[in-house]
Amino acid sequence: MARSNGAKSETSAQESPVVSDTEDTVTIQDSPESVEDTQDIDDILNSLKSLLSSVEKLQKVRQEVGDIKPLIGRMLDGELVAGEELEQLKSGVSGLLRLVRAYNDHQAALAKAQPARNLLDEILK
C-alpha cells in the first residue's frame, strides 16, 4: 500500500506543473495589451507635456507683447501716439503675429491633450 500512496503523490506532482504552465500562458497572452496601454499612456503624457510647453510659450509671448490693447484702441480711434508709446505700439504689433501663432499652437495642444482627462478621471477616482 505504501507504493500506491507514492504513485498518487507522483500524479499530483505531475499535475501541478501543468496548471502553472497554463497560468504562464495566460500572462503572456495579456502582455501585448499591456504594451498598447503603455503606449497610449505615453502618448497622453506626451500630449500633456506639449500642452504645458504651449502654455508657457503663450504666457511668455503675452508678457513680451504687453498690454497693447489700449494703445491699439487709441490708434484705431484716430489718436496720434508718439515717443515711448509709439515704440511700445511698434513692438506690440510685431509681437501680435507671434501671439496669434502661440495661441493657435496652444489650442491644438489643448485639443490633443483632451484624452488625458479620461485617464485622470479613471486613475484618480
C-alpha atoms as a PDB file:
ATOM      1  CA  MET A   1       0.000   0.000   0.000  1.00  0.00           C
ATOM      2  CA  ALA A   2       2.901   2.285   0.516  1.00  0.00           C
ATOM      3  CA  ARG A   3       3.647   2.074  -3.164  1.00  0.00           C
ATOM      4  CA  SER A   4       0.154   3.040  -4.235  1.00  0.00           C
ATOM      5  CA  ASN A   5       0.307   6.110  -1.992  1.00  0.00           C
ATOM      6  CA  GLY A   6       3.611   7.005  -3.626  1.00  0.00           C
ATOM      7  CA  ALA A   7       2.052   6.686  -7.062  1.00  0.00           C
ATOM      8  CA  LYS A   8      -0.753   9.047  -6.103  1.00  0.00           C
ATOM      9  CA  SER A   9       1.668  11.682  -4.919  1.00  0.00           C
ATOM     10  CA  GLU A  10       3.626  11.366  -8.180  1.00  0.00           C
ATOM     11  CA  THR A  11       0.432  12.030 -10.138  1.00  0.00           C
ATOM     12  CA  SER A  12      -0.307  15.091  -8.006  1.00  0.00           C
ATOM     13  CA  ALA A  13       3.206  16.372  -8.555  1.00  0.00           C
ATOM     14  CA  GLN A  14       2.851  15.946 -12.302  1.00  0.00           C
ATOM     15  CA  GLU A  15      -0.457  17.837 -12.433  1.00  0.00           C
ATOM     16  CA  SER A  16       0.887  20.898 -10.619  1.00  0.00           C
ATOM     17  CA  PRO A  17       3.373  21.990 -13.325  1.00  0.00           C
ATOM     18  CA  VAL A  18       0.678  21.710 -15.987  1.00  0.00           C
ATOM     19  CA  VAL A  19      -1.527  24.142 -14.085  1.00  0.00           C
ATOM     20  CA  SER A  20       1.290  26.640 -13.646  1.00  0.00           C
ATOM     21  CA  ASP A  21       2.201  26.371 -17.356  1.00  0.00           C
ATOM     22  CA  THR A  22      -1.367  27.335 -18.221  1.00  0.00           C
ATOM     23  CA  GLU A  23      -1.149  30.341 -15.904  1.00  0.00           C
ATOM     24  CA  ASP A  24       2.109  31.440 -17.547  1.00  0.00           C
ATOM     25  CA  THR A  25       0.489  31.202 -20.978  1.00  0.00           C
ATOM     26  CA  VAL A  26      -2.347  33.472 -19.884  1.00  0.00           C
ATOM     27  CA  THR A  27       0.152  36.038 -18.627  1.00  0.00           C
ATOM     28  CA  ILE A  28       1.985  36.023 -21.943  1.00  0.00           C
ATOM     29  CA  GLN A  29      -1.249  36.456 -23.897  1.00  0.00           C
ATOM     30  CA  ASP A  30      -2.176  39.544 -21.849  1.00  0.00           C
ATOM     31  CA  SER A  31       1.245  41.109 -22.446  1.00  0.00           C
ATOM     32  CA  PRO A  32       0.562  42.738 -25.888  1.00  0.00           C
ATOM     33  CA  GLU A  33      -2.444  44.588 -24.486  1.00  0.00           C
ATOM     34  CA  SER A  34      -0.239  45.973 -21.726  1.00  0.00           C
ATOM     35  CA  VAL A  35       2.238  47.267 -24.295  1.00  0.00           C
ATOM     36  CA  GLU A  36      -0.548  49.034 -26.197  1.00  0.00           C
ATOM     37  CA  ASP A  37      -1.893  50.546 -22.980  1.00  0.00           C
ATOM     38  CA  THR A  38       1.596  51.742 -22.083  1.00  0.00           C
ATOM     39  CA  GLN A  39       1.979  53.375 -25.491  1.00  0.00           C
ATOM     40  CA  ASP A  40      -1.404  55.084 -25.108  1.00  0.00           C
ATOM     41  CA  ILE A  41      -0.414  56.354 -21.678  1.00  0.00           C
ATOM     42  CA  ASP A  42       2.918  57.579 -23.052  1.00  0.00           C
ATOM     43  CA  ASP A  43       1.090  59.407 -25.854  1.00  0.00           C
ATOM     44  CA  ILE A  44      -1.270  61.010 -23.345  1.00  0.00           C
ATOM     45  CA  LEU A  45       1.586  62.096 -21.082  1.00  0.00           C
ATOM     46  CA  ASN A  46       3.494  63.499 -24.055  1.00  0.00           C
ATOM     47  CA  SER A  47       0.414  65.473 -25.099  1.00  0.00           C
ATOM     48  CA  LEU A  48       0.207  66.902 -21.570  1.00  0.00           C
ATOM     49  CA  LYS A  49       3.870  67.916 -21.775  1.00  0.00           C
ATOM     50  CA  SER A  50       3.205  69.587 -25.124  1.00  0.00           C
ATOM     51  CA  LEU A  51       0.242  71.430 -23.640  1.00  0.00           C
ATOM     52  CA  LEU A  52       2.343  72.657 -20.739  1.00  0.00           C
ATOM     53  CA  SER A  53       5.033  73.844 -23.135  1.00  0.00           C
ATOM     54  CA  SER A  54       2.483  75.698 -25.279  1.00  0.00           C
ATOM     55  CA  VAL A  55       1.008  77.383 -22.183  1.00  0.00           C
ATOM     56  CA  GLU A  56       4.474  78.570 -21.164  1.00  0.00           C
ATOM     57  CA  LYS A  57       5.162  79.927 -24.665  1.00  0.00           C
ATOM     58  CA  LEU A  58       1.801  81.662 -24.795  1.00  0.00           C
ATOM     59  CA  GLN A  59       2.378  83.329 -21.432  1.00  0.00           C
ATOM     60  CA  LYS A  60       5.871  84.410 -22.476  1.00  0.00           C
ATOM     61  CA  VAL A  61       4.625  85.986 -25.713  1.00  0.00           C
ATOM     62  CA  ARG A  62       1.785  87.697 -23.854  1.00  0.00           C
ATOM     63  CA  GLN A  63       4.288  89.262 -21.486  1.00  0.00           C
ATOM     64  CA  GLU A  64       6.506  90.350 -24.382  1.00  0.00           C
ATOM     65  CA  VAL A  65       3.587  91.949 -26.212  1.00  0.00           C
ATOM     66  CA  GLY A  66       2.439  93.615 -23.042  1.00  0.00           C
ATOM     67  CA  ASP A  67      -0.784  95.491 -22.594  1.00  0.00           C
ATOM     68  CA  ILE A  68      -1.029  96.799 -26.116  1.00  0.00           C
ATOM     69  CA  LYS A  69      -4.792  96.734 -26.386  1.00  0.00           C
ATOM     70  CA  PRO A  70      -5.345 100.271 -25.035  1.00  0.00           C
ATOM     71  CA  LEU A  71      -2.679 101.660 -27.372  1.00  0.00           C
ATOM     72  CA  ILE A  72      -4.190  99.920 -30.398  1.00  0.00           C
ATOM     73  CA  GLY A  73      -7.617 101.192 -29.341  1.00  0.00           C
ATOM     74  CA  ARG A  74      -6.320 104.753 -29.154  1.00  0.00           C
ATOM     75  CA  MET A  75      -4.634 104.377 -32.543  1.00  0.00           C
ATOM     76  CA  LEU A  76      -7.851 102.993 -34.067  1.00  0.00           C
ATOM     77  CA  ASP A  77      -9.773 105.938 -32.592  1.00  0.00           C
ATOM     78  CA  GLY A  78      -7.512 108.239 -34.600  1.00  0.00           C
ATOM     79  CA  GLU A  79      -5.253 109.457 -31.805  1.00  0.00           C
ATOM     80  CA  LEU A  80      -1.658 110.140 -32.608  1.00  0.00           C
ATOM     81  CA  VAL A  81       0.887 108.410 -30.419  1.00  0.00           C
ATOM     82  CA  ALA A  82       4.486 109.415 -30.103  1.00  0.00           C
ATOM     83  CA  GLY A  83       7.629 108.703 -28.179  1.00  0.00           C
ATOM     84  CA  GLU A  84       7.665 105.746 -25.836  1.00  0.00           C
ATOM     85  CA  GLU A  85       4.070 104.809 -26.615  1.00  0.00           C
ATOM     86  CA  LEU A  86       4.880 104.623 -30.332  1.00  0.00           C
ATOM     87  CA  GLU A  87       7.792 102.291 -29.625  1.00  0.00           C
ATOM     88  CA  GLN A  88       5.558 100.121 -27.447  1.00  0.00           C
ATOM     89  CA  LEU A  89       2.996 100.052 -30.222  1.00  0.00           C
ATOM     90  CA  LYS A  90       5.580  99.037 -32.836  1.00  0.00           C
ATOM     91  CA  SER A  91       6.977  96.204 -30.768  1.00  0.00           C
ATOM     92  CA  GLY A  92       3.496  95.145 -29.658  1.00  0.00           C
ATOM     93  CA  VAL A  93       2.114  94.967 -33.188  1.00  0.00           C
ATOM     94  CA  SER A  94       5.104  92.941 -34.388  1.00  0.00           C
ATOM     95  CA  GLY A  95       4.600  90.617 -31.420  1.00  0.00           C
ATOM     96  CA  LEU A  96       0.936  90.083 -32.273  1.00  0.00           C
ATOM     97  CA  LEU A  97       1.875  87.617 -35.024  1.00  0.00           C
ATOM     98  CA  ARG A  98       3.875  85.567 -32.514  1.00  0.00           C
ATOM     99  CA  LEU A  99       0.945  85.799 -30.094  1.00  0.00           C
ATOM    100  CA  VAL A 100      -1.503  84.500 -32.708  1.00  0.00           C
ATOM    101  CA  ARG A 101       0.828  81.605 -33.563  1.00  0.00           C
ATOM    102  CA  ALA A 102       1.331  80.751 -29.889  1.00  0.00           C
ATOM    103  CA  TYR A 103      -2.425  80.885 -29.341  1.00  0.00           C
ATOM    104  CA  ASN A 104      -3.055  78.533 -32.290  1.00  0.00           C
ATOM    105  CA  ASP A 105      -0.369  76.135 -31.033  1.00  0.00           C
ATOM    106  CA  HIS A 106      -1.973  76.220 -27.594  1.00  0.00           C
ATOM    107  CA  GLN A 107      -5.429  75.436 -29.000  1.00  0.00           C
ATOM    108  CA  ALA A 108      -4.045  72.476 -31.000  1.00  0.00           C
ATOM    109  CA  ALA A 109      -2.172  71.125 -27.957  1.00  0.00           C
ATOM    110  CA  LEU A 110      -5.284  71.566 -25.832  1.00  0.00           C
ATOM    111  CA  ALA A 111      -7.391  69.540 -28.260  1.00  0.00           C
ATOM    112  CA  LYS A 112      -4.742  66.817 -28.473  1.00  0.00           C
ATOM    113  CA  ALA A 113      -4.475  66.559 -24.677  1.00  0.00           C
ATOM    114  CA  GLN A 114      -8.192  66.017 -24.036  1.00  0.00           C
ATOM    115  CA  PRO A 115      -7.858  62.187 -23.737  1.00  0.00           C
ATOM    116  CA  ALA A 116      -5.799  62.872 -20.623  1.00  0.00           C
ATOM    117  CA  ARG A 117      -8.982  63.996 -18.906  1.00  0.00           C
ATOM    118  CA  ASN A 118     -10.490  60.490 -19.186  1.00  0.00           C
ATOM    119  CA  LEU A 119      -7.284  58.853 -17.996  1.00  0.00           C
ATOM    120  CA  LEU A 120      -7.052  61.164 -14.985  1.00  0.00           C
ATOM    121  CA  ASP A 121     -10.697  60.557 -14.122  1.00  0.00           C
ATOM    122  CA  GLU A 122     -10.088  56.821 -14.279  1.00  0.00           C
ATOM    123  CA  ILE A 123      -6.864  56.864 -12.260  1.00  0.00           C
ATOM    124  CA  LEU A 124      -7.804  59.462  -9.654  1.00  0.00           C
ATOM    125  CA  LYS A 125     -11.256  58.157  -8.694  1.00  0.00           C
END
